[in-house]
PDB file of N, CA and C in Angstrom:
ATOM      1  N   ARG A   1      29.485  -6.939  16.375  1.00  0.00           N
ATOM      2  CA  ARG A   1      28.190  -7.741  16.515  1.00  0.00           C
ATOM      3  C   ARG A   1      27.012  -6.761  16.612  1.00  0.00           C
ATOM      4  N   THR A   2      27.149  -5.689  17.450  1.00  0.00           N
ATOM      5  CA  THR A   2      26.081  -4.767  17.708  1.00  0.00           C
ATOM      6  C   THR A   2      25.757  -4.062  16.412  1.00  0.00           C
ATOM      7  N   SER A   3      26.789  -3.701  15.623  1.00  0.00           N
ATOM      8  CA  SER A   3      26.556  -2.964  14.360  1.00  0.00           C
ATOM      9  C   SER A   3      25.716  -3.834  13.485  1.00  0.00           C
ATOM     10  N   MET A   4      26.026  -5.173  13.386  1.00  0.00           N
ATOM     11  CA  MET A   4      25.237  -6.065  12.479  1.00  0.00           C
ATOM     12  C   MET A   4      23.749  -6.039  12.917  1.00  0.00           C
ATOM     13  N   SER A   5      23.500  -6.207  14.156  1.00  0.00           N
ATOM     14  CA  SER A   5      22.158  -6.234  14.617  1.00  0.00           C
ATOM     15  C   SER A   5      21.418  -4.945  14.393  1.00  0.00           C
ATOM     16  N   LYS A   6      22.176  -3.809  14.582  1.00  0.00           N
ATOM     17  CA  LYS A   6      21.575  -2.508  14.260  1.00  0.00           C
ATOM     18  C   LYS A   6      21.184  -2.393  12.816  1.00  0.00           C
ATOM     19  N   LYS A   7      22.085  -2.882  11.944  1.00  0.00           N
ATOM     20  CA  LYS A   7      21.765  -2.832  10.488  1.00  0.00           C
ATOM     21  C   LYS A   7      20.530  -3.623  10.110  1.00  0.00           C
ATOM     22  N   ARG A   8      20.481  -4.796  10.722  1.00  0.00           N
ATOM     23  CA  ARG A   8      19.309  -5.640  10.559  1.00  0.00           C
ATOM     24  C   ARG A   8      17.992  -4.895  10.999  1.00  0.00           C
ATOM     25  N   ILE A   9      18.108  -4.293  12.185  1.00  0.00           N
ATOM     26  CA  ILE A   9      16.836  -3.620  12.666  1.00  0.00           C
ATOM     27  C   ILE A   9      16.481  -2.489  11.725  1.00  0.00           C
ATOM     28  N   ARG A  10      17.474  -1.757  11.237  1.00  0.00           N
ATOM     29  CA  ARG A  10      17.234  -0.687  10.293  1.00  0.00           C
ATOM     30  C   ARG A  10      16.547  -1.204   9.033  1.00  0.00           C
ATOM     31  N   LYS A  11      17.116  -2.335   8.544  1.00  0.00           N
ATOM     32  CA  LYS A  11      16.497  -2.919   7.354  1.00  0.00           C
ATOM     33  C   LYS A  11      15.050  -3.267   7.618  1.00  0.00           C
ATOM     34  N   ASN A  12      14.761  -3.801   8.703  1.00  0.00           N
ATOM     35  CA  ASN A  12      13.333  -4.271   9.029  1.00  0.00           C
ATOM     36  C   ASN A  12      12.500  -3.035   9.131  1.00  0.00           C
ATOM     37  N   ILE A  13      12.960  -1.985   9.720  1.00  0.00           N
ATOM     38  CA  ILE A  13      12.144  -0.751   9.813  1.00  0.00           C
ATOM     39  C   ILE A  13      11.852  -0.185   8.425  1.00  0.00           C
ATOM     40  N   TRP A  14      12.933  -0.205   7.572  1.00  0.00           N
ATOM     41  CA  TRP A  14      12.834   0.316   6.225  1.00  0.00           C
ATOM     42  C   TRP A  14      11.796  -0.536   5.422  1.00  0.00           C
ATOM     43  N   LYS A  15      11.847  -1.868   5.622  1.00  0.00           N
ATOM     44  CA  LYS A  15      10.877  -2.760   5.017  1.00  0.00           C
ATOM     45  C   LYS A  15       9.447  -2.431   5.443  1.00  0.00           C
ATOM     46  N   LYS A  16       9.324  -2.278   6.688  1.00  0.00           N
ATOM     47  CA  LYS A  16       7.900  -1.938   7.315  1.00  0.00           C
ATOM     48  C   LYS A  16       7.489  -0.668   6.695  1.00  0.00           C
ATOM     49  N   LYS A  17       8.309   0.368   6.576  1.00  0.00           N
ATOM     50  CA  LYS A  17       7.929   1.698   6.136  1.00  0.00           C
ATOM     51  C   LYS A  17       7.457   1.504   4.677  1.00  0.00           C
ATOM     52  N   THR A  18       8.225   0.806   3.877  1.00  0.00           N
ATOM     53  CA  THR A  18       7.862   0.660   2.430  1.00  0.00           C
ATOM     54  C   THR A  18       6.478  -0.137   2.298  1.00  0.00           C
ATOM     55  N   TYR A  19       6.406  -1.100   3.148  1.00  0.00           N
ATOM     56  CA  TYR A  19       5.141  -1.923   3.156  1.00  0.00           C
ATOM     57  C   TYR A  19       3.923  -1.036   3.447  1.00  0.00           C
ATOM     58  N   PHE A  20       4.055  -0.257   4.495  1.00  0.00           N
ATOM     59  CA  PHE A  20       2.962   0.648   4.917  1.00  0.00           C
ATOM     60  C   PHE A  20       2.590   1.627   3.823  1.00  0.00           C
ATOM     61  N   SER A  21       3.677   2.266   3.208  1.00  0.00           N
ATOM     62  CA  SER A  21       3.491   3.190   2.115  1.00  0.00           C
ATOM     63  C   SER A  21       2.766   2.564   0.896  1.00  0.00           C
ATOM     64  N   ILE A  22       3.111   1.230   0.652  1.00  0.00           N
ATOM     65  CA  ILE A  22       2.478   0.609  -0.472  1.00  0.00           C
ATOM     66  C   ILE A  22       1.039   0.323  -0.187  1.00  0.00           C
ATOM     67  N   VAL A  23       0.680  -0.070   1.011  1.00  0.00           N
ATOM     68  CA  VAL A  23      -0.662  -0.366   1.435  1.00  0.00           C
ATOM     69  C   VAL A  23      -1.457   0.904   1.453  1.00  0.00           C
ATOM     70  N   GLN A  24      -0.889   2.029   1.866  1.00  0.00           N
ATOM     71  CA  GLN A  24      -1.514   3.264   1.890  1.00  0.00           C
ATOM     72  C   GLN A  24      -1.896   3.754   0.527  1.00  0.00           C
ATOM     73  N   SER A  25      -0.908   3.684  -0.379  1.00  0.00           N
ATOM     74  CA  SER A  25      -1.163   4.095  -1.788  1.00  0.00           C
ATOM     75  C   SER A  25      -2.184   3.145  -2.467  1.00  0.00           C
ATOM     76  N   TYR A  26      -2.179   1.874  -2.118  1.00  0.00           N
ATOM     77  CA  TYR A  26      -3.123   0.916  -2.731  1.00  0.00           C
ATOM     78  C   TYR A  26      -4.542   1.216  -2.216  1.00  0.00           C
ATOM     79  N   SER A  27      -4.696   1.480  -0.898  1.00  0.00           N
ATOM     80  CA  SER A  27      -6.031   1.752  -0.356  1.00  0.00           C
ATOM     81  C   SER A  27      -6.483   3.128  -0.953  1.00  0.00           C
ATOM     82  N   LEU A  28      -5.572   4.148  -1.128  1.00  0.00           N
ATOM     83  CA  LEU A  28      -5.932   5.434  -1.659  1.00  0.00           C
ATOM     84  C   LEU A  28      -6.470   5.217  -3.072  1.00  0.00           C
ATOM     85  N   ALA A  29      -5.781   4.400  -3.870  1.00  0.00           N
ATOM     86  CA  ALA A  29      -6.253   4.194  -5.247  1.00  0.00           C
ATOM     87  C   ALA A  29      -7.517   3.463  -5.297  1.00  0.00           C
ATOM     88  N   LYS A  30      -7.707   2.491  -4.380  1.00  0.00           N
ATOM     89  CA  LYS A  30      -8.994   1.764  -4.272  1.00  0.00           C
ATOM     90  C   LYS A  30     -10.140   2.682  -3.948  1.00  0.00           C
ATOM     91  N   SER A  31      -9.962   3.596  -2.934  1.00  0.00           N
ATOM     92  CA  SER A  31     -11.065   4.511  -2.602  1.00  0.00           C
ATOM     93  C   SER A  31     -11.310   5.420  -3.763  1.00  0.00           C
ATOM     94  N   ARG A  32     -10.283   5.872  -4.471  1.00  0.00           N
ATOM     95  CA  ARG A  32     -10.445   6.784  -5.564  1.00  0.00           C
ATOM     96  C   ARG A  32     -11.328   6.038  -6.672  1.00  0.00           C
ATOM     97  N   SER A  33     -10.882   4.916  -7.002  1.00  0.00           N
ATOM     98  CA  SER A  33     -11.611   4.129  -8.036  1.00  0.00           C
ATOM     99  C   SER A  33     -13.066   3.872  -7.605  1.00  0.00           C
ATOM    100  N   PHE A  34     -13.219   3.674  -6.331  1.00  0.00           N
ATOM    101  CA  PHE A  34     -14.598   3.509  -5.739  1.00  0.00           C
ATOM    102  C   PHE A  34     -15.493   4.788  -5.969  1.00  0.00           C
ATOM    103  N   LEU A  35     -14.838   5.927  -5.632  1.00  0.00           N
ATOM    104  CA  LEU A  35     -15.551   7.168  -5.773  1.00  0.00           C
ATOM    105  C   LEU A  35     -15.881   7.361  -7.285  1.00  0.00           C
ATOM    106  N   SER A  36     -14.971   7.165  -8.158  1.00  0.00           N
ATOM    107  CA  SER A  36     -15.116   7.368  -9.542  1.00  0.00           C
ATOM    108  C   SER A  36     -16.229   6.407 -10.119  1.00  0.00           C
ATOM    109  N   GLY A  37     -16.207   5.180  -9.458  1.00  0.00           N
ATOM    110  CA  GLY A  37     -17.131   4.172  -9.858  1.00  0.00           C
ATOM    111  C   GLY A  37     -18.541   4.650  -9.480  1.00  0.00           C
ATOM    112  N   LYS A  38     -18.705   5.321  -8.420  1.00  0.00           N
ATOM    113  CA  LYS A  38     -20.049   5.798  -8.048  1.00  0.00           C
ATOM    114  C   LYS A  38     -20.579   6.813  -9.059  1.00  0.00           C
ATOM    115  N   GLU A  39     -19.659   7.693  -9.467  1.00  0.00           N
ATOM    116  CA  GLU A  39     -20.063   8.727 -10.422  1.00  0.00           C
ATOM    117  C   GLU A  39     -20.482   8.136 -11.753  1.00  0.00           C
ATOM    118  N   HIS A  40     -19.567   7.120 -12.256  1.00  0.00           N
ATOM    119  CA  HIS A  40     -19.822   6.478 -13.504  1.00  0.00           C
ATOM    120  C   HIS A  40     -19.997   4.931 -13.208  1.00  0.00           C
ATOM    121  N   PRO A  41     -21.185   4.479 -13.176  1.00  0.00           N
ATOM    122  CA  PRO A  41     -21.502   3.080 -12.823  1.00  0.00           C
ATOM    123  C   PRO A  41     -20.803   2.161 -13.830  1.00  0.00           C
ATOM    124  N   LYS A  42     -20.097   1.171 -13.210  1.00  0.00           N
ATOM    125  CA  LYS A  42     -19.365   0.234 -14.106  1.00  0.00           C
ATOM    126  C   LYS A  42     -20.259  -1.058 -14.206  1.00  0.00           C
ATOM    127  N   PRO A  43     -20.050  -1.839 -15.277  1.00  0.00           N
ATOM    128  CA  PRO A  43     -20.846  -3.107 -15.475  1.00  0.00           C
ATOM    129  C   PRO A  43     -20.557  -4.025 -14.311  1.00  0.00           C
ATOM    130  N   LYS A  44     -21.461  -4.944 -13.988  1.00  0.00           N
ATOM    131  CA  LYS A  44     -21.293  -5.901 -12.900  1.00  0.00           C
ATOM    132  C   LYS A  44     -20.255  -6.913 -13.293  1.00  0.00           C
ATOM    133  N   GLY A  45     -19.477  -7.310 -12.303  1.00  0.00           N
ATOM    134  CA  GLY A  45     -18.372  -8.268 -12.576  1.00  0.00           C
ATOM    135  C   GLY A  45     -17.107  -7.559 -13.082  1.00  0.00           C
ATOM    136  N   PHE A  46     -17.089  -6.245 -13.149  1.00  0.00           N
ATOM    137  CA  PHE A  46     -15.846  -5.545 -13.537  1.00  0.00           C
ATOM    138  C   PHE A  46     -14.936  -5.489 -12.460  1.00  0.00           C
ATOM    139  N   SER A  47     -13.596  -5.869 -12.701  1.00  0.00           N
ATOM    140  CA  SER A  47     -12.666  -5.814 -11.648  1.00  0.00           C
ATOM    141  C   SER A  47     -11.306  -5.300 -12.313  1.00  0.00           C
ATOM    142  N   GLU A  48     -10.568  -4.427 -11.575  1.00  0.00           N
ATOM    143  CA  GLU A  48      -9.381  -3.877 -12.097  1.00  0.00           C
ATOM    144  C   GLU A  48      -8.278  -4.870 -12.008  1.00  0.00           C
TER     145      GLU A  48
END
């Protein structure tokens, strides 16, 4: 029983880690596109 709960906890931790990494990469790409957008103005209403 303890091993099952441990596996579940590990899975949850792994899920959280992947979620955070996805959010980090997404925010990084967003900030990058924002910086490039400042250098090269995009037309209004433009969305990726």
